[in-house]
Amino acid sequence: MERPSQRLWASLECLRSFVLGIPPGIVWLLLIWSYYVFNCLYVPNYVISPLIQAVYYSVYHTVLVIFATTFYRACTTPPAGPPPEFGLTDDEIDDLEDDVNPGSIMAKRRLPIRTVAHNDCVRFCFACKALKPDRAHHCSICRRCVLKMDHHCPWVGNCVGWHNYKFFVLFLFWGVIYLGVFMVGVFPVVEAFVSAKHPSRGPYRHGQGPILVSFLLSFSFSLSMSILLVFHLFLIASNRTTLEGFRSVRFVRSGYRDWRHPSLRANFEEVFGPLSYHWLLPTGRGSQGNGWDFRAFPEGISRL
């Protein structure tokens, strides 16, 4: 028979899942709202030429499909966790609790770990019962260790890491383009509202209120997403994560500085895969390698 405490815990877990799903749900609702405003209020009432209407519909729906797909993949693609060889046995956990040097465990298994915590000890996670691979961190919201963790994004309801970082960046990129297409399309209504002395009596009056509100929302969201996009492109160019941008990496061997490749293209290929049109599309896996074995580069190496 199920205990009251178990039922309470299950109810709290359901509530937690509901709360975590609110931000992605808001994004989907805003997307549906913008679709209604553009296709049901703006184009039928303010675009007279059938040819121009066809162009508007074609461009809008193409960008919409790509943006919705990138958002869906950013929400549903798991970031990936450490492989089984990084797991700890109960005896090894007991040794770690007794302050036994975890470096001996790492050496015994010959794991490619090149970084240590800021107290010079090998990084490990008691919650996941595993050694932490380089660039991996434990997410308290997802309750798991994430390979090459960047951050937990509430808007996609997912941890952003090695396996789905490409889709998150493309979500920002195509989000900016989608909002730009929307704002450029409805701008004549905004211009008429600003310039007209009596806008409510002018030719642009049907559905004017929802269009103006949608334009202001689109502008604010596009501004914030553009700032985030530029920030993450800078991180990719320097081969760093958001966490590494706020806290420096400490290497086991001296003389190493970071994970940045000498080539700028190589840094982007580590996230997006080999250079091709797939860089801009939510296809494939994106990130190269296995997510836990990274090459470190020494200080003084030339950067291109």
C-alpha atoms as a PDB file:
ATOM      1  CA  MET A   1       0.000   0.000   0.000  1.00  0.00           C
ATOM      2  CA  GLU A   2       1.300   3.431  -0.938  1.00  0.00           C
ATOM      3  CA  ARG A   3       2.271   5.567   2.028  1.00  0.00           C
ATOM      4  CA  PRO A   4       0.968   9.151   2.448  1.00  0.00           C
ATOM      5  CA  SER A   5       4.526  10.465   2.233  1.00  0.00           C
ATOM      6  CA  GLN A   6       4.994   8.717  -1.120  1.00  0.00           C
ATOM      7  CA  ARG A   7       1.759  10.201  -2.467  1.00  0.00           C
ATOM      8  CA  LEU A   8       2.829  13.636  -1.251  1.00  0.00           C
ATOM      9  CA  TRP A   9       6.225  13.240  -2.915  1.00  0.00           C
ATOM     10  CA  ALA A  10       4.594  12.133  -6.182  1.00  0.00           C
ATOM     11  CA  SER A  11       2.252  15.142  -6.057  1.00  0.00           C
ATOM     12  CA  LEU A  12       5.170  17.490  -5.475  1.00  0.00           C
ATOM     13  CA  GLU A  13       7.024  15.954  -8.424  1.00  0.00           C
ATOM     14  CA  CYS A  14       3.995  16.539 -10.664  1.00  0.00           C
ATOM     15  CA  LEU A  15       3.784  20.139  -9.460  1.00  0.00           C
ATOM     16  CA  ARG A  16       7.497  20.584 -10.100  1.00  0.00           C
ATOM     17  CA  SER A  17       7.178  19.247 -13.651  1.00  0.00           C
ATOM     18  CA  PHE A  18       4.243  21.585 -14.274  1.00  0.00           C
ATOM     19  CA  VAL A  19       6.139  24.642 -13.023  1.00  0.00           C
ATOM     20  CA  LEU A  20       9.226  23.772 -15.104  1.00  0.00           C
ATOM     21  CA  GLY A  21       7.007  23.453 -18.165  1.00  0.00           C
ATOM     22  CA  ILE A  22       5.499  26.932 -17.822  1.00  0.00           C
ATOM     23  CA  PRO A  23       8.299  28.936 -19.572  1.00  0.00           C
ATOM     24  CA  PRO A  24       8.412  26.671 -22.677  1.00  0.00           C
ATOM     25  CA  GLY A  25       4.613  26.736 -22.732  1.00  0.00           C
ATOM     26  CA  ILE A  26       4.680  30.540 -22.758  1.00  0.00           C
ATOM     27  CA  VAL A  27       7.010  30.480 -25.777  1.00  0.00           C
ATOM     28  CA  TRP A  28       4.662  28.146 -27.667  1.00  0.00           C
ATOM     29  CA  LEU A  29       1.658  30.339 -26.811  1.00  0.00           C
ATOM     30  CA  LEU A  30       3.455  33.479 -28.000  1.00  0.00           C
ATOM     31  CA  LEU A  31       4.374  31.682 -31.206  1.00  0.00           C
ATOM     32  CA  ILE A  32       0.736  30.706 -31.792  1.00  0.00           C
ATOM     33  CA  TRP A  33      -0.382  34.270 -31.013  1.00  0.00           C
ATOM     34  CA  SER A  34       2.112  35.785 -33.476  1.00  0.00           C
ATOM     35  CA  TYR A  35       0.932  33.312 -36.113  1.00  0.00           C
ATOM     36  CA  TYR A  36      -2.657  34.449 -35.612  1.00  0.00           C
ATOM     37  CA  VAL A  37      -1.756  38.143 -35.731  1.00  0.00           C
ATOM     38  CA  PHE A  38       0.359  37.850 -38.875  1.00  0.00           C
ATOM     39  CA  ASN A  39      -1.766  35.428 -40.900  1.00  0.00           C
ATOM     40  CA  CYS A  40      -5.287  36.312 -39.733  1.00  0.00           C
ATOM     41  CA  LEU A  41      -5.124  40.021 -38.901  1.00  0.00           C
ATOM     42  CA  TYR A  42      -2.278  41.585 -40.844  1.00  0.00           C
ATOM     43  CA  VAL A  43      -1.839  39.943 -44.255  1.00  0.00           C
ATOM     44  CA  PRO A  44      -5.554  39.510 -45.182  1.00  0.00           C
ATOM     45  CA  ASN A  45      -6.452  43.081 -44.168  1.00  0.00           C
ATOM     46  CA  TYR A  46      -3.397  45.149 -45.055  1.00  0.00           C
ATOM     47  CA  VAL A  47      -1.675  43.375 -47.950  1.00  0.00           C
ATOM     48  CA  ILE A  48      -3.830  43.885 -51.039  1.00  0.00           C
ATOM     49  CA  SER A  49      -1.768  42.293 -53.824  1.00  0.00           C
ATOM     50  CA  PRO A  50      -2.190  38.475 -54.033  1.00  0.00           C
ATOM     51  CA  LEU A  51       1.407  38.175 -55.273  1.00  0.00           C
ATOM     52  CA  ILE A  52       2.802  40.050 -52.279  1.00  0.00           C
ATOM     53  CA  GLN A  53       0.564  38.013 -49.995  1.00  0.00           C
ATOM     54  CA  ALA A  54       2.060  34.833 -51.454  1.00  0.00           C
ATOM     55  CA  VAL A  55       5.578  36.169 -50.844  1.00  0.00           C
ATOM     56  CA  TYR A  56       4.708  37.114 -47.255  1.00  0.00           C
ATOM     57  CA  TYR A  57       3.174  33.705 -46.564  1.00  0.00           C
ATOM     58  CA  SER A  58       6.101  31.821 -48.132  1.00  0.00           C
ATOM     59  CA  VAL A  59       8.841  33.664 -46.267  1.00  0.00           C
ATOM     60  CA  TYR A  60       6.957  33.684 -42.977  1.00  0.00           C
ATOM     61  CA  HIS A  61       6.058  29.987 -42.959  1.00  0.00           C
ATOM     62  CA  THR A  62       9.561  28.901 -44.029  1.00  0.00           C
ATOM     63  CA  VAL A  63      11.174  30.777 -41.159  1.00  0.00           C
ATOM     64  CA  LEU A  64       8.417  29.662 -38.771  1.00  0.00           C
ATOM     65  CA  VAL A  65       8.944  25.955 -39.505  1.00  0.00           C
ATOM     66  CA  ILE A  66      12.715  26.187 -39.005  1.00  0.00           C
ATOM     67  CA  PHE A  67      12.363  28.227 -35.807  1.00  0.00           C
ATOM     68  CA  ALA A  68       9.714  25.914 -34.328  1.00  0.00           C
ATOM     69  CA  THR A  69      11.862  22.881 -35.164  1.00  0.00           C
ATOM     70  CA  THR A  70      14.965  24.343 -33.513  1.00  0.00           C
ATOM     71  CA  PHE A  71      12.940  25.219 -30.419  1.00  0.00           C
ATOM     72  CA  TYR A  72      11.428  21.734 -30.274  1.00  0.00           C
ATOM     73  CA  ARG A  73      14.836  20.081 -30.583  1.00  0.00           C
ATOM     74  CA  ALA A  74      16.347  22.401 -27.958  1.00  0.00           C
ATOM     75  CA  CYS A  75      13.520  21.397 -25.596  1.00  0.00           C
ATOM     76  CA  THR A  76      13.545  17.654 -26.242  1.00  0.00           C
ATOM     77  CA  THR A  77      17.175  16.748 -27.005  1.00  0.00           C
ATOM     78  CA  PRO A  78      18.894  15.492 -23.821  1.00  0.00           C
ATOM     79  CA  PRO A  79      22.299  17.064 -23.163  1.00  0.00           C
ATOM     80  CA  ALA A  80      23.928  13.644 -22.412  1.00  0.00           C
ATOM     81  CA  GLY A  81      25.602  12.508 -19.206  1.00  0.00           C
ATOM     82  CA  PRO A  82      28.900  10.833 -18.285  1.00  0.00           C
ATOM     83  CA  PRO A  83      29.493   7.313 -19.661  1.00  0.00           C
ATOM     84  CA  PRO A  84      29.428   4.284 -17.306  1.00  0.00           C
ATOM     85  CA  GLU A  85      33.224   4.125 -16.940  1.00  0.00           C
ATOM     86  CA  PHE A  86      33.072   7.314 -14.854  1.00  0.00           C
ATOM     87  CA  GLY A  87      30.703   5.701 -12.338  1.00  0.00           C
ATOM     88  CA  LEU A  88      31.868   4.924  -8.803  1.00  0.00           C
ATOM     89  CA  THR A  89      31.324   1.730  -6.855  1.00  0.00           C
ATOM     90  CA  ASP A  90      30.102   1.771  -3.253  1.00  0.00           C
ATOM     91  CA  ASP A  91      33.615   0.957  -2.022  1.00  0.00           C
ATOM     92  CA  GLU A  92      35.095   3.823  -4.013  1.00  0.00           C
ATOM     93  CA  ILE A  93      32.463   6.192  -2.631  1.00  0.00           C
ATOM     94  CA  ASP A  94      33.381   5.060   0.897  1.00  0.00           C
ATOM     95  CA  ASP A  95      37.029   5.801   0.098  1.00  0.00           C
ATOM     96  CA  LEU A  96      36.136   9.280  -1.115  1.00  0.00           C
ATOM     97  CA  GLU A  97      34.153   9.911   2.054  1.00  0.00           C
ATOM     98  CA  ASP A  98      37.267   8.882   4.015  1.00  0.00           C
ATOM     99  CA  ASP A  99      39.270  11.525   2.099  1.00  0.00           C
ATOM    100  CA  VAL A 100      41.165   9.014   0.013  1.00  0.00           C
ATOM    101  CA  ASN A 101      42.750  10.709  -2.995  1.00  0.00           C
ATOM    102  CA  PRO A 102      40.342  10.228  -5.944  1.00  0.00           C
ATOM    103  CA  GLY A 103      43.293  10.600  -8.279  1.00  0.00           C
ATOM    104  CA  SER A 104      44.199   6.979  -7.589  1.00  0.00           C
ATOM    105  CA  ILE A 105      40.799   5.901  -8.889  1.00  0.00           C
ATOM    106  CA  MET A 106      41.288   8.027 -11.992  1.00  0.00           C
ATOM    107  CA  ALA A 107      44.752   6.586 -12.608  1.00  0.00           C
ATOM    108  CA  LYS A 108      43.508   3.017 -12.150  1.00  0.00           C
ATOM    109  CA  ARG A 109      40.846   3.502 -14.817  1.00  0.00           C
ATOM    110  CA  ARG A 110      43.035   5.631 -17.097  1.00  0.00           C
ATOM    111  CA  LEU A 111      40.310   8.185 -17.633  1.00  0.00           C
ATOM    112  CA  PRO A 112      41.110  11.263 -19.753  1.00  0.00           C
ATOM    113  CA  ILE A 113      40.608  13.817 -16.976  1.00  0.00           C
ATOM    114  CA  ARG A 114      42.785  16.908 -17.314  1.00  0.00           C
ATOM    115  CA  THR A 115      41.138  19.314 -14.877  1.00  0.00           C
ATOM    116  CA  VAL A 116      40.737  19.453 -11.123  1.00  0.00           C
ATOM    117  CA  ALA A 117      38.591  21.412  -8.700  1.00  0.00           C
ATOM    118  CA  HIS A 118      39.901  24.660  -7.247  1.00  0.00           C
ATOM    119  CA  ASN A 119      41.159  22.734  -4.207  1.00  0.00           C
ATOM    120  CA  ASP A 120      43.352  20.659  -6.584  1.00  0.00           C
ATOM    121  CA  CYS A 121      41.247  17.513  -6.059  1.00  0.00           C
ATOM    122  CA  VAL A 122      39.705  15.433  -8.818  1.00  0.00           C
ATOM    123  CA  ARG A 123      36.112  16.503  -9.370  1.00  0.00           C
ATOM    124  CA  PHE A 124      33.442  13.966  -8.441  1.00  0.00           C
ATOM    125  CA  CYS A 125      29.694  13.998  -7.807  1.00  0.00           C
ATOM    126  CA  PHE A 126      28.190  12.262  -4.776  1.00  0.00           C
ATOM    127  CA  ALA A 127      24.655  12.691  -6.141  1.00  0.00           C
ATOM    128  CA  CYS A 128      25.415  10.833  -9.379  1.00  0.00           C
ATOM    129  CA  LYS A 129      28.062   8.580  -7.801  1.00  0.00           C
ATOM    130  CA  ALA A 130      30.529   9.354 -10.567  1.00  0.00           C
ATOM    131  CA  LEU A 131      33.726  11.152 -11.367  1.00  0.00           C
ATOM    132  CA  LYS A 132      33.081  14.316 -13.335  1.00  0.00           C
ATOM    133  CA  PRO A 133      34.551  14.368 -16.840  1.00  0.00           C
ATOM    134  CA  ASP A 134      36.267  17.550 -17.969  1.00  0.00           C
ATOM    135  CA  ARG A 135      33.760  20.402 -18.445  1.00  0.00           C
ATOM    136  CA  ALA A 136      30.905  18.378 -16.916  1.00  0.00           C
ATOM    137  CA  HIS A 137      28.823  19.772 -14.056  1.00  0.00           C
ATOM    138  CA  HIS A 138      25.884  18.626 -11.948  1.00  0.00           C
ATOM    139  CA  CYS A 139      22.557  20.357 -12.600  1.00  0.00           C
ATOM    140  CA  SER A 140      20.442  20.582  -9.459  1.00  0.00           C
ATOM    141  CA  ILE A 141      17.286  21.150 -11.518  1.00  0.00           C
ATOM    142  CA  CYS A 142      17.753  18.190 -13.881  1.00  0.00           C
ATOM    143  CA  ARG A 143      19.320  16.193 -11.025  1.00  0.00           C
ATOM    144  CA  ARG A 144      22.078  14.791 -13.198  1.00  0.00           C
ATOM    145  CA  CYS A 145      25.602  15.498 -14.384  1.00  0.00           C
ATOM    146  CA  VAL A 146      25.720  17.061 -17.844  1.00  0.00           C
ATOM    147  CA  LEU A 147      28.589  16.766 -20.318  1.00  0.00           C
ATOM    148  CA  LYS A 148      30.110  20.131 -21.249  1.00  0.00           C
ATOM    149  CA  MET A 149      27.342  21.865 -19.356  1.00  0.00           C
ATOM    150  CA  ASP A 150      26.686  25.443 -20.397  1.00  0.00           C
ATOM    151  CA  HIS A 151      23.659  26.345 -18.259  1.00  0.00           C
ATOM    152  CA  HIS A 152      20.107  25.320 -17.463  1.00  0.00           C
ATOM    153  CA  CYS A 153      17.699  27.305 -19.624  1.00  0.00           C
ATOM    154  CA  PRO A 154      14.165  27.628 -18.217  1.00  0.00           C
ATOM    155  CA  TRP A 155      12.809  28.819 -21.592  1.00  0.00           C
ATOM    156  CA  VAL A 156      13.590  25.475 -23.223  1.00  0.00           C
ATOM    157  CA  GLY A 157      13.045  23.550 -19.986  1.00  0.00           C
ATOM    158  CA  ASN A 158      16.306  21.722 -20.495  1.00  0.00           C
ATOM    159  CA  CYS A 159      19.977  21.728 -19.647  1.00  0.00           C
ATOM    160  CA  VAL A 160      22.153  23.105 -22.426  1.00  0.00           C
ATOM    161  CA  GLY A 161      25.240  20.981 -22.911  1.00  0.00           C
ATOM    162  CA  TRP A 162      27.379  19.012 -25.313  1.00  0.00           C
ATOM    163  CA  HIS A 163      24.581  17.128 -27.078  1.00  0.00           C
ATOM    164  CA  ASN A 164      22.115  19.979 -27.650  1.00  0.00           C
ATOM    165  CA  TYR A 165      24.154  23.209 -27.594  1.00  0.00           C
ATOM    166  CA  LYS A 166      23.841  23.554 -31.377  1.00  0.00           C
ATOM    167  CA  PHE A 167      20.043  23.506 -31.180  1.00  0.00           C
ATOM    168  CA  PHE A 168      20.001  26.101 -28.412  1.00  0.00           C
ATOM    169  CA  VAL A 169      22.189  28.508 -30.422  1.00  0.00           C
ATOM    170  CA  LEU A 170      20.058  27.906 -33.523  1.00  0.00           C
ATOM    171  CA  PHE A 171      16.962  28.590 -31.413  1.00  0.00           C
ATOM    172  CA  LEU A 172      18.387  32.033 -30.637  1.00  0.00           C
ATOM    173  CA  PHE A 173      19.508  32.604 -34.236  1.00  0.00           C
ATOM    174  CA  TRP A 174      16.240  31.643 -35.917  1.00  0.00           C
ATOM    175  CA  GLY A 175      14.254  33.320 -33.144  1.00  0.00           C
ATOM    176  CA  VAL A 176      15.892  36.638 -34.023  1.00  0.00           C
ATOM    177  CA  ILE A 177      15.208  36.057 -37.728  1.00  0.00           C
ATOM    178  CA  TYR A 178      11.590  35.046 -37.086  1.00  0.00           C
ATOM    179  CA  LEU A 179      10.922  38.107 -34.964  1.00  0.00           C
ATOM    180  CA  GLY A 180      12.672  40.273 -37.544  1.00  0.00           C
ATOM    181  CA  VAL A 181      10.458  38.923 -40.332  1.00  0.00           C
ATOM    182  CA  PHE A 182       7.387  39.557 -38.203  1.00  0.00           C
ATOM    183  CA  MET A 183       8.384  43.129 -37.330  1.00  0.00           C
ATOM    184  CA  VAL A 184       9.342  44.046 -40.894  1.00  0.00           C
ATOM    185  CA  GLY A 185       6.045  42.637 -42.132  1.00  0.00           C
ATOM    186  CA  VAL A 186       3.779  44.553 -39.759  1.00  0.00           C
ATOM    187  CA  PHE A 187       5.876  47.733 -39.703  1.00  0.00           C
ATOM    188  CA  PRO A 188       3.540  49.647 -42.075  1.00  0.00           C
ATOM    189  CA  VAL A 189       0.820  49.423 -39.426  1.00  0.00           C
ATOM    190  CA  VAL A 190       3.183  50.738 -36.761  1.00  0.00           C
ATOM    191  CA  GLU A 191       4.392  53.535 -39.041  1.00  0.00           C
ATOM    192  CA  ALA A 192       0.822  54.560 -39.857  1.00  0.00           C
ATOM    193  CA  PHE A 193      -0.115  54.553 -36.179  1.00  0.00           C
ATOM    194  CA  VAL A 194       2.832  56.764 -35.233  1.00  0.00           C
ATOM    195  CA  SER A 195       2.459  59.232 -38.119  1.00  0.00           C
ATOM    196  CA  ALA A 196      -1.342  59.557 -38.277  1.00  0.00           C
ATOM    197  CA  LYS A 197      -3.026  62.296 -36.240  1.00  0.00           C
ATOM    198  CA  HIS A 198      -6.074  60.102 -35.749  1.00  0.00           C
ATOM    199  CA  PRO A 199      -4.793  56.552 -36.225  1.00  0.00           C
ATOM    200  CA  SER A 200      -8.081  54.971 -35.187  1.00  0.00           C
ATOM    201  CA  ARG A 201      -9.741  56.610 -38.225  1.00  0.00           C
ATOM    202  CA  GLY A 202      -7.036  55.780 -40.745  1.00  0.00           C
ATOM    203  CA  PRO A 203      -6.800  52.895 -43.197  1.00  0.00           C
ATOM    204  CA  TYR A 204      -4.827  50.791 -40.656  1.00  0.00           C
ATOM    205  CA  ARG A 205      -7.424  50.249 -37.999  1.00  0.00           C
ATOM    206  CA  HIS A 206      -8.660  46.635 -38.256  1.00  0.00           C
ATOM    207  CA  GLY A 207      -6.810  44.567 -35.647  1.00  0.00           C
ATOM    208  CA  GLN A 208      -4.486  47.460 -35.010  1.00  0.00           C
ATOM    209  CA  GLY A 209      -4.254  46.946 -31.245  1.00  0.00           C
ATOM    210  CA  PRO A 210      -3.064  43.290 -31.316  1.00  0.00           C
ATOM    211  CA  ILE A 211      -0.621  44.109 -34.115  1.00  0.00           C
ATOM    212  CA  LEU A 212       0.951  46.998 -32.178  1.00  0.00           C
ATOM    213  CA  VAL A 213       1.211  44.963 -28.965  1.00  0.00           C
ATOM    214  CA  SER A 214       2.765  42.067 -30.897  1.00  0.00           C
ATOM    215  CA  PHE A 215       5.289  44.420 -32.479  1.00  0.00           C
ATOM    216  CA  LEU A 216       6.391  45.751 -29.078  1.00  0.00           C
ATOM    217  CA  LEU A 217       6.694  42.223 -27.666  1.00  0.00           C
ATOM    218  CA  SER A 218       8.657  41.108 -30.720  1.00  0.00           C
ATOM    219  CA  PHE A 219      11.032  44.037 -30.401  1.00  0.00           C
ATOM    220  CA  SER A 220      11.756  43.346 -26.724  1.00  0.00           C
ATOM    221  CA  PHE A 221      12.254  39.613 -27.259  1.00  0.00           C
ATOM    222  CA  SER A 222      14.415  40.110 -30.355  1.00  0.00           C
ATOM    223  CA  LEU A 223      16.656  42.536 -28.449  1.00  0.00           C
ATOM    224  CA  SER A 224      17.226  40.119 -25.561  1.00  0.00           C
ATOM    225  CA  MET A 225      17.718  37.137 -27.877  1.00  0.00           C
ATOM    226  CA  SER A 226      20.192  39.108 -30.020  1.00  0.00           C
ATOM    227  CA  ILE A 227      22.290  39.911 -26.956  1.00  0.00           C
ATOM    228  CA  LEU A 228      22.264  36.252 -25.908  1.00  0.00           C
ATOM    229  CA  LEU A 229      23.147  35.131 -29.429  1.00  0.00           C
ATOM    230  CA  VAL A 230      26.164  37.441 -29.638  1.00  0.00           C
ATOM    231  CA  PHE A 231      27.294  36.286 -26.190  1.00  0.00           C
ATOM    232  CA  HIS A 232      27.104  32.603 -27.128  1.00  0.00           C
ATOM    233  CA  LEU A 233      28.833  33.158 -30.465  1.00  0.00           C
ATOM    234  CA  PHE A 234      31.665  34.768 -28.515  1.00  0.00           C
ATOM    235  CA  LEU A 235      31.780  31.742 -26.194  1.00  0.00           C
ATOM    236  CA  ILE A 236      31.883  29.338 -29.150  1.00  0.00           C
ATOM    237  CA  ALA A 237      34.673  31.336 -30.791  1.00  0.00           C
ATOM    238  CA  SER A 238      36.744  31.069 -27.591  1.00  0.00           C
ATOM    239  CA  ASN A 239      35.631  27.452 -26.936  1.00  0.00           C
ATOM    240  CA  ARG A 240      34.195  28.188 -23.521  1.00  0.00           C
ATOM    241  CA  THR A 241      30.910  27.532 -21.805  1.00  0.00           C
ATOM    242  CA  THR A 242      28.902  30.027 -19.782  1.00  0.00           C
ATOM    243  CA  LEU A 243      30.125  28.390 -16.572  1.00  0.00           C
ATOM    244  CA  GLU A 244      33.748  28.548 -17.745  1.00  0.00           C
ATOM    245  CA  GLY A 245      33.248  32.175 -18.676  1.00  0.00           C
ATOM    246  CA  PHE A 246      32.507  33.003 -15.031  1.00  0.00           C
ATOM    247  CA  ARG A 247      34.967  30.557 -13.463  1.00  0.00           C
ATOM    248  CA  SER A 248      38.388  29.686 -14.843  1.00  0.00           C
ATOM    249  CA  VAL A 249      39.438  26.110 -15.563  1.00  0.00           C
ATOM    250  CA  ARG A 250      42.180  24.568 -13.421  1.00  0.00           C
ATOM    251  CA  PHE A 251      44.334  22.001 -15.224  1.00  0.00           C
ATOM    252  CA  VAL A 252      46.228  19.115 -13.647  1.00  0.00           C
ATOM    253  CA  ARG A 253      49.397  19.979 -15.560  1.00  0.00           C
ATOM    254  CA  SER A 254      50.773  23.494 -15.545  1.00  0.00           C
ATOM    255  CA  GLY A 255      51.246  25.357 -18.800  1.00  0.00           C
ATOM    256  CA  TYR A 256      47.747  24.757 -20.156  1.00  0.00           C
ATOM    257  CA  ARG A 257      45.362  27.673 -20.505  1.00  0.00           C
ATOM    258  CA  ASP A 258      42.058  26.621 -22.093  1.00  0.00           C
ATOM    259  CA  TRP A 259      40.275  24.385 -24.611  1.00  0.00           C
ATOM    260  CA  ARG A 260      40.397  26.881 -27.468  1.00  0.00           C
ATOM    261  CA  HIS A 261      41.605  25.498 -30.795  1.00  0.00           C
ATOM    262  CA  PRO A 262      44.185  27.486 -32.770  1.00  0.00           C
ATOM    263  CA  SER A 263      41.624  27.767 -35.576  1.00  0.00           C
ATOM    264  CA  LEU A 264      38.384  29.746 -35.184  1.00  0.00           C
ATOM    265  CA  ARG A 265      36.676  27.365 -37.595  1.00  0.00           C
ATOM    266  CA  ALA A 266      37.654  24.367 -35.458  1.00  0.00           C
ATOM    267  CA  ASN A 267      35.982  25.958 -32.434  1.00  0.00           C
ATOM    268  CA  PHE A 268      32.717  26.334 -34.342  1.00  0.00           C
ATOM    269  CA  GLU A 269      32.975  22.846 -35.837  1.00  0.00           C
ATOM    270  CA  GLU A 270      33.204  21.392 -32.331  1.00  0.00           C
ATOM    271  CA  VAL A 271      29.649  22.679 -31.739  1.00  0.00           C
ATOM    272  CA  PHE A 272      28.056  22.637 -35.208  1.00  0.00           C
ATOM    273  CA  GLY A 273      29.943  19.812 -36.915  1.00  0.00           C
ATOM    274  CA  PRO A 274      31.888  19.995 -40.202  1.00  0.00           C
ATOM    275  CA  LEU A 275      31.344  23.212 -42.138  1.00  0.00           C
ATOM    276  CA  SER A 276      28.233  22.917 -44.328  1.00  0.00           C
ATOM    277  CA  TYR A 277      24.694  24.250 -44.677  1.00  0.00           C
ATOM    278  CA  HIS A 278      23.780  21.993 -41.730  1.00  0.00           C
ATOM    279  CA  TRP A 279      25.288  24.646 -39.463  1.00  0.00           C
ATOM    280  CA  LEU A 280      22.092  26.675 -39.909  1.00  0.00           C
ATOM    281  CA  LEU A 281      19.612  23.796 -39.764  1.00  0.00           C
ATOM    282  CA  PRO A 282      18.371  21.738 -36.786  1.00  0.00           C
ATOM    283  CA  THR A 283      19.656  18.495 -38.283  1.00  0.00           C
ATOM    284  CA  GLY A 284      22.070  15.866 -37.039  1.00  0.00           C
ATOM    285  CA  ARG A 285      23.771  15.868 -33.668  1.00  0.00           C
ATOM    286  CA  GLY A 286      26.073  18.812 -34.191  1.00  0.00           C
ATOM    287  CA  SER A 287      28.763  18.490 -31.545  1.00  0.00           C
ATOM    288  CA  GLN A 288      31.836  16.532 -32.518  1.00  0.00           C
ATOM    289  CA  GLY A 289      33.643  14.030 -30.290  1.00  0.00           C
ATOM    290  CA  ASN A 290      32.259  12.089 -27.333  1.00  0.00           C
ATOM    291  CA  GLY A 291      31.613  14.976 -24.944  1.00  0.00           C
ATOM    292  CA  TRP A 292      34.069  13.888 -22.261  1.00  0.00           C
ATOM    293  CA  ASP A 293      37.513  13.776 -23.897  1.00  0.00           C
ATOM    294  CA  PHE A 294      38.676  17.252 -24.911  1.00  0.00           C
ATOM    295  CA  ARG A 295      42.038  18.456 -26.107  1.00  0.00           C
ATOM    296  CA  ALA A 296      43.678  21.140 -23.995  1.00  0.00           C
ATOM    297  CA  PHE A 297      46.010  23.695 -25.559  1.00  0.00           C
ATOM    298  CA  PRO A 298      49.115  25.134 -23.900  1.00  0.00           C
ATOM    299  CA  GLU A 299      49.800  28.781 -23.242  1.00  0.00           C
ATOM    300  CA  GLY A 300      51.560  30.763 -25.928  1.00  0.00           C
ATOM    301  CA  ILE A 301      50.061  28.867 -28.866  1.00  0.00           C
ATOM    302  CA  SER A 302      49.177  31.103 -31.807  1.00  0.00           C
ATOM    303  CA  ARG A 303      45.470  31.754 -32.406  1.00  0.00           C
ATOM    304  CA  LEU A 304      44.041  32.270 -35.891  1.00  0.00           C
END
